[in-house]
C-alpha atoms as a PDB file:
ATOM      1  CA  MET A   1      24.908 -34.446  14.009  1.00  0.00           C
ATOM      2  CA  PRO A   2      23.037 -32.441  16.673  1.00  0.00           C
ATOM      3  CA  ALA A   3      20.582 -34.249  18.931  1.00  0.00           C
ATOM      4  CA  THR A   4      16.987 -34.103  17.738  1.00  0.00           C
ATOM      5  CA  MET A   5      14.924 -31.548  19.616  1.00  0.00           C
ATOM      6  CA  PRO A   6      11.444 -32.506  20.879  1.00  0.00           C
ATOM      7  CA  ASP A   7       8.838 -32.103  18.141  1.00  0.00           C
ATOM      8  CA  ASP A   8       6.528 -29.146  18.936  1.00  0.00           C
ATOM      9  CA  SER A   9       4.236 -29.593  15.930  1.00  0.00           C
ATOM     10  CA  ARG A  10       1.051 -30.335  17.854  1.00  0.00           C
ATOM     11  CA  SER A  11       0.346 -26.837  19.211  1.00  0.00           C
ATOM     12  CA  PRO A  12      -0.663 -23.881  16.977  1.00  0.00           C
ATOM     13  CA  ALA A  13       2.003 -21.257  16.311  1.00  0.00           C
ATOM     14  CA  PRO A  14       1.255 -17.573  16.868  1.00  0.00           C
ATOM     15  CA  PRO A  15       2.146 -15.259  13.990  1.00  0.00           C
ATOM     16  CA  GLY A  16       5.750 -14.083  13.806  1.00  0.00           C
ATOM     17  CA  ARG A  17       8.489 -15.298  16.141  1.00  0.00           C
ATOM     18  CA  PRO A  18       7.115 -17.905  18.607  1.00  0.00           C
ATOM     19  CA  ARG A  19       6.684 -16.889  22.253  1.00  0.00           C
ATOM     20  CA  ARG A  20       7.207 -20.252  23.979  1.00  0.00           C
ATOM     21  CA  ALA A  21      10.862 -20.739  24.882  1.00  0.00           C
ATOM     22  CA  ASP A  22      11.206 -24.192  23.294  1.00  0.00           C
ATOM     23  CA  ALA A  23       9.345 -23.148  20.133  1.00  0.00           C
ATOM     24  CA  ARG A  24      11.446 -19.974  19.901  1.00  0.00           C
ATOM     25  CA  ARG A  25      14.644 -21.997  20.188  1.00  0.00           C
ATOM     26  CA  ASN A  26      13.518 -24.308  17.395  1.00  0.00           C
ATOM     27  CA  TYR A  27      12.509 -21.317  15.252  1.00  0.00           C
ATOM     28  CA  ASP A  28      15.929 -19.708  15.719  1.00  0.00           C
ATOM     29  CA  ARG A  29      17.756 -23.006  15.109  1.00  0.00           C
ATOM     30  CA  ILE A  30      15.844 -23.524  11.865  1.00  0.00           C
ATOM     31  CA  LEU A  31      16.660 -20.018  10.638  1.00  0.00           C
ATOM     32  CA  ALA A  32      20.334 -20.440  11.518  1.00  0.00           C
ATOM     33  CA  ALA A  33      20.456 -23.792   9.725  1.00  0.00           C
ATOM     34  CA  ALA A  34      18.651 -22.312   6.716  1.00  0.00           C
ATOM     35  CA  ALA A  35      21.146 -19.445   6.527  1.00  0.00           C
ATOM     36  CA  SER A  36      24.023 -21.926   6.459  1.00  0.00           C
ATOM     37  CA  ALA A  37      22.372 -24.187   3.881  1.00  0.00           C
ATOM     38  CA  VAL A  38      21.353 -21.337   1.585  1.00  0.00           C
ATOM     39  CA  ALA A  39      24.863 -19.875   1.719  1.00  0.00           C
ATOM     40  CA  GLU A  40      26.185 -23.215   0.462  1.00  0.00           C
ATOM     41  CA  HIS A  41      23.445 -24.367  -1.909  1.00  0.00           C
ATOM     42  CA  GLY A  42      21.321 -21.325  -2.743  1.00  0.00           C
ATOM     43  CA  ALA A  43      17.598 -20.761  -2.302  1.00  0.00           C
ATOM     44  CA  GLU A  44      16.797 -24.340  -3.371  1.00  0.00           C
ATOM     45  CA  ALA A  45      18.603 -25.851  -0.392  1.00  0.00           C
ATOM     46  CA  SER A  46      16.965 -29.060   0.832  1.00  0.00           C
ATOM     47  CA  LEU A  47      14.361 -28.567   3.563  1.00  0.00           C
ATOM     48  CA  GLU A  48      15.250 -32.012   4.910  1.00  0.00           C
ATOM     49  CA  GLU A  49      18.889 -30.953   5.190  1.00  0.00           C
ATOM     50  CA  ILE A  50      17.861 -27.741   6.952  1.00  0.00           C
ATOM     51  CA  ALA A  51      15.795 -29.727   9.476  1.00  0.00           C
ATOM     52  CA  ARG A  52      18.721 -32.113  10.026  1.00  0.00           C
ATOM     53  CA  ARG A  53      21.149 -29.253  10.648  1.00  0.00           C
ATOM     54  CA  ALA A  54      18.699 -27.624  13.032  1.00  0.00           C
ATOM     55  CA  GLY A  55      18.231 -30.890  14.953  1.00  0.00           C
ATOM     56  CA  VAL A  56      14.441 -30.848  14.552  1.00  0.00           C
ATOM     57  CA  GLY A  57      11.923 -33.065  12.833  1.00  0.00           C
ATOM     58  CA  SER A  58      10.329 -32.200   9.508  1.00  0.00           C
ATOM     59  CA  ALA A  59       6.986 -31.676  11.282  1.00  0.00           C
ATOM     60  CA  THR A  60       8.537 -28.983  13.477  1.00  0.00           C
ATOM     61  CA  LEU A  61      10.070 -27.228  10.490  1.00  0.00           C
ATOM     62  CA  HIS A  62       6.754 -27.220   8.632  1.00  0.00           C
ATOM     63  CA  ARG A  63       4.881 -26.049  11.705  1.00  0.00           C
ATOM     64  CA  HIS A  64       6.983 -22.887  11.823  1.00  0.00           C
ATOM     65  CA  PHE A  65       7.382 -22.566   8.051  1.00  0.00           C
ATOM     66  CA  PRO A  66       4.566 -24.263   6.068  1.00  0.00           C
ATOM     67  CA  SER A  67       6.405 -23.757   2.770  1.00  0.00           C
ATOM     68  CA  ARG A  68       9.864 -23.021   1.383  1.00  0.00           C
ATOM     69  CA  GLN A  69       8.635 -19.526   0.517  1.00  0.00           C
ATOM     70  CA  ARG A  70       7.743 -18.780   4.137  1.00  0.00           C
ATOM     71  CA  LEU A  71      11.124 -19.996   5.362  1.00  0.00           C
ATOM     72  CA  LEU A  72      13.100 -17.966   2.834  1.00  0.00           C
ATOM     73  CA  GLU A  73      11.060 -14.830   3.484  1.00  0.00           C
ATOM     74  CA  ALA A  74      11.747 -15.161   7.220  1.00  0.00           C
ATOM     75  CA  LEU A  75      15.424 -15.793   6.526  1.00  0.00           C
ATOM     76  CA  PHE A  76      15.805 -12.669   4.407  1.00  0.00           C
ATOM     77  CA  ARG A  77      13.430 -10.412   6.344  1.00  0.00           C
ATOM     78  CA  ASP A  78      15.989  -9.152   8.870  1.00  0.00           C
ATOM     79  CA  LYS A  79      18.373  -8.198   6.072  1.00  0.00           C
ATOM     80  CA  VAL A  80      15.603  -6.498   4.140  1.00  0.00           C
ATOM     81  CA  ASP A  81      14.666  -4.618   7.311  1.00  0.00           C
ATOM     82  CA  ALA A  82      18.265  -3.403   7.447  1.00  0.00           C
ATOM     83  CA  LEU A  83      18.025  -2.111   3.862  1.00  0.00           C
ATOM     84  CA  CYS A  84      14.839  -0.264   4.720  1.00  0.00           C
ATOM     85  CA  ALA A  85      16.490   1.224   7.806  1.00  0.00           C
ATOM     86  CA  ALA A  86      19.410   2.364   5.630  1.00  0.00           C
ATOM     87  CA  ALA A  87      16.962   4.125   3.321  1.00  0.00           C
ATOM     88  CA  ARG A  88      15.448   5.947   6.298  1.00  0.00           C
ATOM     89  CA  ASP A  89      18.893   6.934   7.554  1.00  0.00           C
ATOM     90  CA  LEU A  90      19.743   8.383   4.132  1.00  0.00           C
ATOM     91  CA  ALA A  91      16.688  10.665   4.269  1.00  0.00           C
ATOM     92  CA  GLY A  92      18.845  13.269   5.995  1.00  0.00           C
ATOM     93  CA  ASP A  93      21.728  13.122   3.497  1.00  0.00           C
ATOM     94  CA  PRO A  94      22.450  16.616   2.128  1.00  0.00           C
ATOM     95  CA  ASP A  95      23.071  15.101  -1.329  1.00  0.00           C
ATOM     96  CA  PRO A  96      19.898  13.157  -2.269  1.00  0.00           C
ATOM     97  CA  GLY A  97      21.439  11.967  -5.533  1.00  0.00           C
ATOM     98  CA  GLN A  98      24.428  10.448  -3.773  1.00  0.00           C
ATOM     99  CA  ALA A  99      22.057   8.991  -1.164  1.00  0.00           C
ATOM    100  CA  LEU A 100      20.245   7.122  -3.934  1.00  0.00           C
ATOM    101  CA  VAL A 101      23.534   5.814  -5.342  1.00  0.00           C
ATOM    102  CA  SER A 102      24.683   4.699  -1.878  1.00  0.00           C
ATOM    103  CA  TRP A 103      21.422   2.874  -1.228  1.00  0.00           C
ATOM    104  CA  LEU A 104      21.507   1.063  -4.584  1.00  0.00           C
ATOM    105  CA  HIS A 105      25.055  -0.082  -3.843  1.00  0.00           C
ATOM    106  CA  ALA A 106      23.794  -1.408  -0.495  1.00  0.00           C
ATOM    107  CA  VAL A 107      21.062  -3.304  -2.331  1.00  0.00           C
ATOM    108  CA  ALA A 108      23.656  -4.794  -4.702  1.00  0.00           C
ATOM    109  CA  THR A 109      25.853  -5.968  -1.832  1.00  0.00           C
ATOM    110  CA  HIS A 110      22.816  -7.468  -0.141  1.00  0.00           C
ATOM    111  CA  VAL A 111      21.748  -9.368  -3.256  1.00  0.00           C
ATOM    112  CA  VAL A 112      25.182 -10.735  -4.156  1.00  0.00           C
ATOM    113  CA  THR A 113      25.855 -11.991  -0.647  1.00  0.00           C
ATOM    114  CA  ASN A 114      22.523 -13.866  -0.420  1.00  0.00           C
ATOM    115  CA  ARG A 115      22.515 -16.555  -3.082  1.00  0.00           C
ATOM    116  CA  GLY A 116      19.203 -16.864  -4.907  1.00  0.00           C
ATOM    117  CA  LEU A 117      17.708 -13.634  -3.595  1.00  0.00           C
ATOM    118  CA  ALA A 118      18.317 -11.755  -6.850  1.00  0.00           C
ATOM    119  CA  ALA A 119      16.262 -14.312  -8.776  1.00  0.00           C
ATOM    120  CA  SER A 120      13.611 -14.317  -6.076  1.00  0.00           C
ATOM    121  CA  LEU A 121      13.183 -10.567  -6.240  1.00  0.00           C
ATOM    122  CA  LEU A 122      12.995 -10.597 -10.020  1.00  0.00           C
ATOM    123  CA  HIS A 123      10.300 -13.274  -9.867  1.00  0.00           C
ATOM    124  CA  ALA A 124       8.419 -11.201  -7.312  1.00  0.00           C
ATOM    125  CA  ALA A 125       8.596  -8.147  -9.570  1.00  0.00           C
ATOM    126  CA  HIS A 126       7.103 -10.152 -12.434  1.00  0.00           C
ATOM    127  CA  ASP A 127       4.495 -12.048 -10.400  1.00  0.00           C
ATOM    128  CA  SER A 128       3.434  -9.683  -7.613  1.00  0.00           C
ATOM    129  CA  ASP A 129       0.156  -8.886  -9.370  1.00  0.00           C
ATOM    130  CA  GLN A 130      -0.876 -12.512  -8.836  1.00  0.00           C
ATOM    131  CA  GLY A 131      -0.125 -12.324  -5.117  1.00  0.00           C
ATOM    132  CA  SER A 132       0.188 -16.084  -4.483  1.00  0.00           C
ATOM    133  CA  ASP A 133       1.382 -19.339  -6.012  1.00  0.00           C
ATOM    134  CA  HIS A 134      -0.737 -22.371  -6.884  1.00  0.00           C
ATOM    135  CA  ASP A 135      -0.711 -23.507  -3.222  1.00  0.00           C
ATOM    136  CA  GLY A 136      -1.988 -20.145  -2.012  1.00  0.00           C
ATOM    137  CA  ASP A 137       1.330 -19.131  -0.441  1.00  0.00           C
ATOM    138  CA  PRO A 138       2.805 -15.662  -1.007  1.00  0.00           C
ATOM    139  CA  VAL A 139       4.944 -15.517  -4.148  1.00  0.00           C
ATOM    140  CA  LEU A 140       8.577 -16.029  -3.186  1.00  0.00           C
ATOM    141  CA  GLY A 141      10.129 -12.659  -2.341  1.00  0.00           C
ATOM    142  CA  ALA A 142       6.951 -10.625  -2.960  1.00  0.00           C
ATOM    143  CA  THR A 143       6.783  -9.252   0.581  1.00  0.00           C
ATOM    144  CA  CYS A 144      10.489  -8.388   0.668  1.00  0.00           C
ATOM    145  CA  HIS A 145      10.279  -6.898  -2.813  1.00  0.00           C
ATOM    146  CA  THR A 146       7.435  -4.592  -1.747  1.00  0.00           C
ATOM    147  CA  MET A 147       9.345  -3.445   1.330  1.00  0.00           C
ATOM    148  CA  ILE A 148      12.429  -2.628  -0.753  1.00  0.00           C
ATOM    149  CA  VAL A 149      10.410  -0.845  -3.439  1.00  0.00           C
ATOM    150  CA  ASP A 150       8.646   1.324  -0.860  1.00  0.00           C
ATOM    151  CA  ALA A 151      11.907   2.227   0.889  1.00  0.00           C
ATOM    152  CA  GLY A 152      13.711   2.923  -2.383  1.00  0.00           C
ATOM    153  CA  GLN A 153      10.853   5.033  -3.691  1.00  0.00           C
ATOM    154  CA  GLU A 154      11.342   7.499  -0.837  1.00  0.00           C
ATOM    155  CA  VAL A 155      15.062   7.815  -1.615  1.00  0.00           C
ATOM    156  CA  LEU A 156      14.347   8.227  -5.334  1.00  0.00           C
ATOM    157  CA  THR A 157      11.631  10.837  -4.724  1.00  0.00           C
ATOM    158  CA  ARG A 158      14.062  13.019  -2.755  1.00  0.00           C
ATOM    159  CA  ALA A 159      16.635  12.733  -5.533  1.00  0.00           C
ATOM    160  CA  ARG A 160      14.030  13.752  -8.118  1.00  0.00           C
ATOM    161  CA  GLN A 161      12.923  16.720  -6.043  1.00  0.00           C
ATOM    162  CA  ALA A 162      16.545  17.842  -5.792  1.00  0.00           C
ATOM    163  CA  GLY A 163      16.938  17.587  -9.576  1.00  0.00           C
ATOM    164  CA  THR A 164      19.823  15.126  -9.312  1.00  0.00           C
ATOM    165  CA  VAL A 165      18.275  12.168 -11.130  1.00  0.00           C
ATOM    166  CA  ARG A 166      16.391  11.700 -14.380  1.00  0.00           C
ATOM    167  CA  ALA A 167      12.664  12.290 -13.956  1.00  0.00           C
ATOM    168  CA  ASP A 168      11.715   9.312 -16.130  1.00  0.00           C
ATOM    169  CA  VAL A 169      13.529   6.706 -13.997  1.00  0.00           C
ATOM    170  CA  SER A 170      11.386   4.482 -11.751  1.00  0.00           C
ATOM    171  CA  ILE A 171      12.464   2.590  -8.644  1.00  0.00           C
ATOM    172  CA  THR A 172      11.338  -0.673 -10.267  1.00  0.00           C
ATOM    173  CA  GLU A 173      13.685  -0.031 -13.193  1.00  0.00           C
ATOM    174  CA  LEU A 174      16.572   0.733 -10.863  1.00  0.00           C
ATOM    175  CA  LEU A 175      15.997  -2.414  -8.805  1.00  0.00           C
ATOM    176  CA  ARG A 176      15.757  -4.543 -11.923  1.00  0.00           C
ATOM    177  CA  LEU A 177      19.010  -3.004 -13.089  1.00  0.00           C
ATOM    178  CA  VAL A 178      20.710  -3.841  -9.781  1.00  0.00           C
ATOM    179  CA  ASN A 179      19.346  -7.386  -9.800  1.00  0.00           C
ATOM    180  CA  ALA A 180      20.335  -7.967 -13.426  1.00  0.00           C
ATOM    181  CA  ILE A 181      23.908  -6.926 -12.630  1.00  0.00           C
ATOM    182  CA  CYS A 182      24.004  -9.122  -9.536  1.00  0.00           C
ATOM    183  CA  LEU A 183      22.688 -12.161 -11.384  1.00  0.00           C
ATOM    184  CA  THR A 184      25.681 -12.027 -13.717  1.00  0.00           C
ATOM    185  CA  VAL A 185      28.290 -11.981 -10.932  1.00  0.00           C
ATOM    186  CA  GLU A 186      26.761 -13.635  -7.849  1.00  0.00           C
ATOM    187  CA  ASP A 187      28.699 -16.889  -8.414  1.00  0.00           C
ATOM    188  CA  GLU A 188      32.039 -15.105  -8.837  1.00  0.00           C
ATOM    189  CA  PRO A 189      34.493 -15.113  -5.910  1.00  0.00           C
ATOM    190  CA  ASP A 190      34.647 -11.297  -6.045  1.00  0.00           C
ATOM    191  CA  GLY A 191      31.011 -10.879  -7.073  1.00  0.00           C
ATOM    192  CA  ALA A 192      30.328  -8.027  -4.653  1.00  0.00           C
ATOM    193  CA  ALA A 193      33.249  -5.990  -5.982  1.00  0.00           C
ATOM    194  CA  GLN A 194      32.274  -6.668  -9.593  1.00  0.00           C
ATOM    195  CA  ALA A 195      28.669  -5.682  -8.940  1.00  0.00           C
ATOM    196  CA  ASP A 196      29.846  -2.470  -7.288  1.00  0.00           C
ATOM    197  CA  ARG A 197      32.001  -1.598 -10.312  1.00  0.00           C
ATOM    198  CA  LEU A 198      29.299  -2.369 -12.890  1.00  0.00           C
ATOM    199  CA  LEU A 199      26.657  -0.486 -10.940  1.00  0.00           C
ATOM    200  CA  ALA A 200      28.883   2.585 -10.702  1.00  0.00           C
ATOM    201  CA  LEU A 201      29.333   2.508 -14.473  1.00  0.00           C
ATOM    202  CA  VAL A 202      25.639   2.274 -15.333  1.00  0.00           C
ATOM    203  CA  LEU A 203      24.442   4.807 -12.766  1.00  0.00           C
ATOM    204  CA  GLY A 204      26.318   7.458 -14.715  1.00  0.00           C
ATOM    205  CA  GLY A 205      23.404   7.372 -17.120  1.00  0.00           C
ATOM    206  CA  VAL A 206      20.853   7.888 -14.355  1.00  0.00           C
ATOM    207  CA  ARG A 207      22.165  10.896 -12.470  1.00  0.00           C
ATOM    208  CA  LEU A 208      21.995  14.400 -13.902  1.00  0.00           C
ATOM    209  CA  THR A 209      25.108  16.522 -14.213  1.00  0.00           C
ATOM    210  CA  PRO A 210      24.675  20.117 -13.031  1.00  0.00           C
ATOM    211  CA  ALA A 211      24.804  22.599 -15.903  1.00  0.00           C
END
């Protein structure tokens, strides 16, 4: 068991990643411990266990992350940023329809390899109009969901303009389709491969075939 780090809960935290060296170390240790715990136990991993793995007190964990939602959003944010960057990179693809397919496959891989994220994004899609839970915290996954929707909308718009995808398909429908597929296979040993196969099958009904 790692030695307990000094508790830094008495000073206010600036928004985002802390600037003080000791606070930044604790922040990074908590995120690393959360990544390990979530990989093993899913999004409902024990906060006490995460604090123990990080070698910090519960007060320190809650100083940086006042709720489970805040911790999970921080944990997934870097990976969501990568998905958004992939969408931007695909803006220059000469085949906008294939770019959309490639990005949706990237989303599927991302969801399957992060246990609990598929359910979180589905909940965010259903609850984002409310904006917060009963404690006033952001709905789990709502921020990440919005980022993914905005990035995917740009990829979908290019595909529509090129006439390579059905005009009546929305990005929300496509993301729900990806998440629904991933929910059925995320606990399988080869879940990523199965999701890839199922997604390839269903996307045949989304893309248009040139006359």
